[in-house]
């Protein structure tokens, strides 16, 4: 055969194949369009009807009061559960409240009918928006509710990476709240300690002021007593030689001294006892009974504790105070003499 005939034959064959290819492509395109309008689009419309709108509809920030849950969810059939789920989706009750939300209804549908495509598709389509609802619970620090919602999401899609993110956020928020609560407790404790210290300082200042007032009063008493003593006429003893006539006068003088006034020692300067610091911090009270001797010069000596309650807490403070007391000495027949006294010292806050 001639070469030119062969080439012409091949050209005619290629020209015949091209219309066939075009026809096949056109058939596939028609099939794709038909599948879109007859299968895919009706299915998406059904899913949107179940979810109450397009899945991309954002979660509403407005919280509406949820209706009471159905009386007997366990006894509902698949169609009833799907109807309740659609109602919940329309009201955007994806995960809450407990027992009356779309995810729980769809999960019950899958328990009764594991191959139910409407329920499984609805759970998959609305998972991101339900996760947003769980994140809002975390941000509002409703940790128990957030944990419940995360567990519910895990039942629908346990391998979804969003669950890992939600759990991390929940753990971080819990740690933040724990730290804030600990900081608040520490701050409150610091304020309490500062208030207690201020109260103790004020108490010590008040006690010091009271002791100073007592000391001032004692000094004024002593000054008054000294003024009175100075105003009394002084009597000098006679130094003239004794004669027989004077013996009679001396006897008369002795008789007069026998009738001179006799008096007990009188406190003219009291010193306030210092409150022990340890007892003040412990807010401890008590008393000490002290015995001592007042000599002819009005000074105290032989100071010792007779009794105390509690023992050995306030003893030293009481002894130090009494050792600094000053008295007008006791007198017998007008002559200053030593005397023994007891003093009970109170320690009160």
Protein backbone atom coordinates (compact mmCIF):
# COMPACT_ATOMS: atom_id res chain seq x y z
CA UNK A 1 0.00 0.00 0.00
CA UNK A 2 1.14 3.46 -0.69
CA UNK A 3 2.53 5.41 2.25
CA UNK A 4 0.22 8.26 1.52
CA UNK A 5 -2.78 5.95 1.86
CA UNK A 6 -1.57 4.76 5.26
CA UNK A 7 -1.22 8.30 6.55
CA UNK A 8 -4.64 9.22 5.29
CA UNK A 9 -6.12 6.20 7.05
CA UNK A 10 -4.51 7.17 10.35
CA UNK A 11 -5.77 10.70 10.07
CA UNK A 12 -9.33 9.48 9.49
CA UNK A 13 -9.04 7.15 12.55
CA UNK A 14 -7.85 9.99 14.83
CA UNK A 15 -10.65 12.19 13.59
CA UNK A 16 -13.18 9.48 14.47
CA UNK A 17 -11.79 9.05 18.06
CA UNK A 18 -12.10 12.72 19.01
CA UNK A 19 -15.90 12.87 18.87
CA UNK A 20 -16.10 9.72 20.98
CA UNK A 21 -13.87 11.26 23.69
CA UNK A 22 -15.89 14.43 23.68
CA UNK A 23 -19.10 12.43 24.00
CA UNK A 24 -17.73 10.46 26.97
CA UNK A 25 -16.62 13.66 28.76
CA UNK A 26 -20.04 15.19 28.16
CA UNK A 27 -21.74 12.12 29.62
CA UNK A 28 -19.59 12.29 32.78
CA UNK A 29 -20.33 15.99 33.17
CA UNK A 30 -24.07 15.33 32.87
CA UNK A 31 -23.81 12.55 35.43
CA UNK A 32 -21.94 14.84 37.84
CA UNK A 33 -24.53 17.59 37.46
CA UNK A 34 -27.33 15.12 37.94
CA UNK A 35 -25.68 13.68 41.05
CA UNK A 36 -25.32 17.19 42.48
CA UNK A 37 -28.97 18.09 42.00
CA UNK A 38 -30.46 14.65 42.69
CA UNK A 39 -28.27 13.32 45.54
CA UNK A 40 -25.75 15.73 47.11
CA UNK A 41 -27.86 18.88 47.25
CA UNK A 42 -30.97 17.16 48.75
CA UNK A 43 -28.75 15.50 51.33
CA UNK A 44 -27.17 18.83 52.33
CA UNK A 45 -30.58 20.43 52.55
CA UNK A 46 -31.67 17.63 54.85
CA UNK A 47 -28.61 18.13 57.04
CA UNK A 48 -29.24 21.87 57.16
CA UNK A 49 -32.84 21.24 58.09
CA UNK A 50 -31.67 19.00 60.91
CA UNK A 51 -29.18 21.59 62.16
CA UNK A 52 -31.56 24.53 61.91
CA UNK A 53 -29.64 26.35 59.17
CA UNK A 54 -26.34 26.33 57.40
CA UNK A 55 -23.55 24.76 59.49
CA UNK A 56 -21.49 27.92 59.18
CA UNK A 57 -24.07 29.89 61.13
CA UNK A 58 -22.20 31.26 64.19
CA UNK A 59 -23.23 30.35 67.70
CA UNK A 60 -25.58 32.97 69.04
CA UNK A 61 -24.38 34.82 72.13
CA UNK A 62 -27.95 35.22 73.33
CA UNK A 63 -28.94 32.61 75.87
CA UNK A 64 -32.55 31.56 75.71
CA UNK A 65 -34.36 29.60 78.34
CA UNK A 66 -34.36 25.94 77.30
CA UNK A 67 -37.66 24.07 77.36
CA UNK A 68 -37.98 21.20 79.82
CA UNK A 69 -36.49 17.90 78.58
CA UNK A 70 -38.81 15.25 77.16
CA UNK A 71 -40.52 13.12 79.75
CA UNK A 72 -39.21 9.73 78.59
CA UNK A 73 -36.26 10.00 76.22
CA UNK A 74 -35.36 6.33 76.54
CA UNK A 75 -38.73 5.28 75.10
CA UNK A 76 -38.47 7.50 71.99
CA UNK A 77 -37.92 5.99 68.57
CA UNK A 78 -35.41 7.23 66.01
CA UNK A 79 -37.80 9.68 64.32
CA UNK A 80 -38.81 11.24 67.63
CA UNK A 81 -35.18 11.62 68.67
CA UNK A 82 -34.31 13.23 65.34
CA UNK A 83 -37.21 15.65 65.76
CA UNK A 84 -36.00 16.62 69.25
CA UNK A 85 -32.46 17.00 67.88
CA UNK A 86 -33.69 19.30 65.09
CA UNK A 87 -35.52 21.45 67.64
CA UNK A 88 -32.40 21.65 69.79
CA UNK A 89 -30.27 22.61 66.76
CA UNK A 90 -32.75 25.35 65.82
CA UNK A 91 -32.39 26.74 69.34
CA UNK A 92 -28.59 26.23 69.25
CA UNK A 93 -28.67 23.85 72.21
CA UNK A 94 -25.71 21.87 70.93
CA UNK A 95 -24.35 20.52 74.23
CA UNK A 96 -26.50 22.04 76.97
CA UNK A 97 -28.54 21.71 79.02
CA UNK A 98 -27.88 18.20 80.23
CA UNK A 99 -30.33 15.69 78.78
CA UNK A 100 -31.92 18.22 76.42
CA UNK A 101 -29.34 19.02 73.72
CA UNK A 102 -28.76 18.06 70.10
CA UNK A 103 -25.62 15.99 70.65
CA UNK A 104 -27.25 13.73 73.24
CA UNK A 105 -30.30 13.18 71.01
CA UNK A 106 -28.13 12.32 67.98
CA UNK A 107 -25.98 9.99 70.08
CA UNK A 108 -29.13 8.19 71.24
CA UNK A 109 -30.16 7.85 67.59
CA UNK A 110 -26.82 6.19 66.85
CA UNK A 111 -27.29 3.87 69.83
CA UNK A 112 -30.61 2.72 68.36
CA UNK A 113 -29.50 2.89 64.72
CA UNK A 114 -25.67 2.83 64.45
CA UNK A 115 -25.73 3.42 60.70
CA UNK A 116 -28.03 6.45 60.77
CA UNK A 117 -26.43 8.84 58.30
CA UNK A 118 -28.48 11.87 59.30
CA UNK A 119 -27.29 11.69 62.91
CA UNK A 120 -23.65 10.95 62.06
CA UNK A 121 -23.50 13.71 59.43
CA UNK A 122 -25.15 16.21 61.75
CA UNK A 123 -22.65 15.44 64.53
CA UNK A 124 -19.73 15.85 62.15
CA UNK A 125 -21.07 19.08 60.60
CA UNK A 126 -21.85 20.77 63.92
CA UNK A 127 -18.80 19.54 65.90
CA UNK A 128 -16.81 22.82 65.46
CA UNK A 129 -19.70 24.94 66.73
CA UNK A 130 -20.37 22.65 69.66
CA UNK A 131 -16.65 22.89 70.47
CA UNK A 132 -17.04 26.68 70.51
CA UNK A 133 -19.82 26.29 73.05
CA UNK A 134 -17.54 24.15 75.24
CA UNK A 135 -14.78 26.77 74.94
CA UNK A 136 -17.22 29.44 76.14
CA UNK A 137 -17.93 27.34 79.24
CA UNK A 138 -14.17 27.13 79.87
CA UNK A 139 -13.73 30.89 79.49
CA UNK A 140 -16.61 31.52 81.91
CA UNK A 141 -14.84 29.13 84.37
CA UNK A 142 -17.79 26.77 84.61
CA UNK A 143 -15.30 23.91 84.78
CA UNK A 144 -17.69 21.07 85.64
CA UNK A 145 -19.99 21.98 82.76
CA UNK A 146 -17.03 22.38 80.41
CA UNK A 147 -15.74 18.92 81.36
CA UNK A 148 -19.18 17.41 80.72
CA UNK A 149 -19.36 19.02 77.28
CA UNK A 150 -15.85 17.86 76.34
CA UNK A 151 -16.79 14.30 77.34
CA UNK A 152 -19.91 14.58 75.18
CA UNK A 153 -17.84 15.77 72.20
CA UNK A 154 -15.47 12.84 72.75
CA UNK A 155 -18.37 10.41 72.38
CA UNK A 156 -19.19 11.92 68.99
CA UNK A 157 -15.60 12.09 67.67
CA UNK A 158 -12.98 10.73 70.12
CA UNK A 159 -10.01 11.30 67.77
CA UNK A 160 -10.73 14.94 66.93
CA UNK A 161 -7.68 17.13 67.67
CA UNK A 162 -9.98 19.91 68.92
CA UNK A 163 -10.54 17.83 72.06
CA UNK A 164 -6.83 18.06 72.90
CA UNK A 165 -6.95 21.85 72.58
CA UNK A 166 -10.07 22.11 74.75
CA UNK A 167 -8.60 19.89 77.45
CA UNK A 168 -5.40 21.96 77.49
CA UNK A 169 -7.38 25.18 77.85
CA UNK A 170 -9.49 23.69 80.63
CA UNK A 171 -6.39 22.56 82.53
CA UNK A 172 -4.74 25.98 82.09
CA UNK A 173 -7.84 27.83 83.33
CA UNK A 174 -8.08 25.57 86.37
CA UNK A 175 -4.42 26.22 87.25
CA UNK A 176 -4.93 29.97 86.78
CA UNK A 177 -7.95 29.95 89.08
CA UNK A 178 -6.09 27.90 91.71
CA UNK A 179 -3.20 30.38 91.63
CA UNK A 180 -5.55 33.37 91.94
CA UNK A 181 -7.31 31.76 94.89
CA UNK A 182 -3.96 31.00 96.57
CA UNK A 183 -2.77 34.57 96.00
CA UNK A 184 -6.02 35.92 97.48
CA UNK A 185 -5.65 33.65 100.52
CA UNK A 186 -2.02 34.76 101.03
CA UNK A 187 -3.03 38.41 100.75
CA UNK A 188 -5.84 37.93 103.25
CA UNK A 189 -3.46 36.21 105.68
CA UNK A 190 -0.97 39.07 105.33
CA UNK A 191 -3.69 41.61 106.05
CA UNK A 192 -4.81 39.67 109.12
CA UNK A 193 -1.25 39.52 110.46
CA UNK A 194 -0.83 43.25 109.87
CA UNK A 195 -4.11 43.96 111.66
CA UNK A 196 -3.06 41.79 114.62
CA UNK A 197 0.31 43.56 114.83
CA UNK A 198 -1.39 46.96 114.73
CA UNK A 199 -3.77 45.90 117.49
CA UNK A 200 -0.86 44.61 119.63
CA UNK A 201 1.09 47.84 119.10
CA UNK A 202 -1.94 49.91 120.06
CA UNK A 203 -2.47 47.82 123.17
CA UNK A 204 1.16 48.25 124.20
CA UNK A 205 0.94 52.01 123.60
CA UNK A 206 -2.27 52.26 125.64
CA UNK A 207 -0.73 50.29 128.50
CA UNK A 208 2.39 52.47 128.46
CA UNK A 209 0.21 55.59 128.53
CA UNK A 210 -1.73 54.17 131.48
CA UNK A 211 1.50 53.40 133.36
CA UNK A 212 2.78 56.90 132.71
CA UNK A 213 -0.50 58.33 133.96
CA UNK A 214 -0.27 56.25 137.14
CA UNK A 215 3.33 57.33 137.68
CA UNK A 216 2.35 60.96 137.18
CA UNK A 217 -0.50 60.63 139.67
CA UNK A 218 1.85 58.99 142.22
CA UNK A 219 4.38 61.80 141.76
CA UNK A 220 1.69 64.40 142.31
CA UNK A 221 0.58 62.56 145.48
CA UNK A 222 4.15 62.47 146.74
CA UNK A 223 4.58 66.16 146.04
CA UNK A 224 1.37 66.96 147.92
CA UNK A 225 2.46 64.83 150.86
CA UNK A 226 5.86 66.53 150.98
CA UNK A 227 4.17 69.94 150.91
CA UNK A 228 1.98 69.01 153.85
CA UNK A 229 4.95 67.67 155.80
CA UNK A 230 6.91 70.87 155.19
CA UNK A 231 4.05 72.97 156.52
CA UNK A 232 4.07 71.13 159.91
CA UNK A 233 6.23 72.90 162.66
CA UNK A 234 9.52 71.14 163.25
CA UNK A 235 10.43 70.15 166.81
CA UNK A 236 14.08 70.08 167.87
CA UNK A 237 15.12 67.89 170.84
CA UNK A 238 16.58 69.68 173.85
CA UNK A 239 20.36 69.46 174.33
CA UNK A 240 20.58 71.26 177.65
CA UNK A 241 22.26 69.45 180.59
CA UNK A 242 19.96 67.29 182.62
CA UNK A 243 19.22 68.41 186.16
CA UNK A 244 17.05 66.98 188.83
CA UNK A 245 14.29 69.36 187.80
CA UNK A 246 14.78 68.47 184.19
CA UNK A 247 14.35 64.76 184.98
CA UNK A 248 10.78 65.43 185.83
CA UNK A 249 10.32 67.32 182.52
CA UNK A 250 11.97 64.47 180.65
CA UNK A 251 9.61 62.01 182.25
CA UNK A 252 6.73 64.20 181.19
CA UNK A 253 8.16 64.34 177.64
CA UNK A 254 8.45 60.56 177.51
CA UNK A 255 4.88 60.26 178.54
CA UNK A 256 3.95 62.69 175.76
CA UNK A 257 5.82 60.62 173.12
CA UNK A 258 3.89 57.57 174.22
CA UNK A 259 0.76 59.32 173.05
CA UNK A 260 2.22 60.37 169.64
CA UNK A 261 0.36 59.11 166.51
CA UNK A 262 1.03 55.61 165.10
CA UNK A 263 0.46 54.95 161.35
CA UNK A 264 1.11 52.37 158.64
CA UNK A 265 3.43 52.90 155.69
CA UNK A 266 1.78 54.96 152.92
CA UNK A 267 2.62 54.47 149.24
CA UNK A 268 3.69 57.78 147.70
CA UNK A 269 5.19 56.60 144.39
CA UNK A 270 3.96 53.57 142.47
CA UNK A 271 5.70 52.25 139.36
CA UNK A 272 3.62 50.40 136.78
CA UNK A 273 4.69 46.86 136.09
CA UNK A 274 5.97 46.21 132.58
CA UNK A 275 3.71 43.71 130.74
CA UNK A 276 5.85 40.78 129.51
CA UNK A 277 6.04 40.73 125.71
CA UNK A 278 5.44 36.97 125.44
CA UNK A 279 2.33 37.20 127.63
CA UNK A 280 1.05 40.15 125.61
CA UNK A 281 1.44 38.27 122.33
CA UNK A 282 -0.31 35.27 123.85
CA UNK A 283 -2.99 37.62 125.26
CA UNK A 284 -2.39 36.08 128.70
CA UNK A 285 -3.59 37.70 131.93
CA UNK A 286 -2.86 37.03 135.60
CA UNK A 287 -1.80 38.43 138.98
CA UNK A 288 1.10 38.29 141.45
CA UNK A 289 0.96 38.65 145.26
CA UNK A 290 4.21 40.23 146.52
CA UNK A 291 5.43 40.70 150.11
CA UNK A 292 8.11 43.23 151.04
CA UNK A 293 9.57 45.32 153.87
CA UNK A 294 9.32 49.11 154.01
CA UNK A 295 12.29 50.47 155.91
CA UNK A 296 12.39 53.63 158.03
CA UNK A 297 13.41 55.61 154.92
CA UNK A 298 10.36 54.48 152.94
CA UNK A 299 12.29 52.19 150.59
CA UNK A 300 11.34 48.58 149.83
CA UNK A 301 13.52 45.57 150.53
CA UNK A 302 13.25 41.80 150.89
CA UNK A 303 10.79 41.73 147.96
CA UNK A 304 9.51 38.24 147.16
CA UNK A 305 6.58 36.50 145.50
CA UNK A 306 4.00 34.94 147.83
CA UNK A 307 1.64 33.60 145.18
CA UNK A 308 0.97 34.05 141.46
CA UNK A 309 -1.42 32.95 138.78
CA UNK A 310 -0.10 31.72 136.41
CA UNK A 311 3.22 30.85 138.02
CA UNK A 312 6.48 32.45 136.85
CA UNK A 313 4.89 34.39 133.99
CA UNK A 314 4.55 37.80 135.63
CA UNK A 315 6.85 37.31 138.70
CA UNK A 316 9.87 39.25 137.43
CA UNK A 317 7.79 42.19 136.21
CA UNK A 318 5.99 42.42 139.56
CA UNK A 319 9.26 42.25 141.59
CA UNK A 320 10.91 44.94 139.43
CA UNK A 321 7.95 47.26 139.93
CA UNK A 322 7.71 46.83 143.74
CA UNK A 323 11.46 47.31 144.18
CA UNK A 324 10.97 50.86 142.84
CA UNK A 325 8.02 51.76 145.09
CA UNK A 326 8.48 54.63 147.55
CA UNK A 327 6.58 54.93 150.84
CA UNK A 328 6.18 57.21 153.77
CA UNK A 329 7.53 54.94 156.49
CA UNK A 330 5.26 53.52 159.17
CA UNK A 331 5.37 55.33 162.53
CA UNK A 332 5.12 54.07 166.03
CA UNK A 333 4.71 56.68 168.73
CA UNK A 334 5.71 59.24 166.12
CA UNK A 335 8.96 57.45 165.18
CA UNK A 336 9.55 55.91 161.70
CA UNK A 337 9.90 52.14 161.94
CA UNK A 338 10.24 49.30 159.39
CA UNK A 339 7.03 47.48 158.42
CA UNK A 340 5.99 44.51 156.30
CA UNK A 341 3.35 44.77 153.57
CA UNK A 342 1.80 42.76 150.76
CA UNK A 343 0.70 44.03 147.34
CA UNK A 344 -1.37 42.24 144.68
CA UNK A 345 -0.47 43.35 141.16
CA UNK A 346 -2.93 42.65 138.35
CA UNK A 347 -1.92 42.05 134.74
CA UNK A 348 -4.87 42.59 132.39
CA UNK A 349 -5.20 43.37 128.70
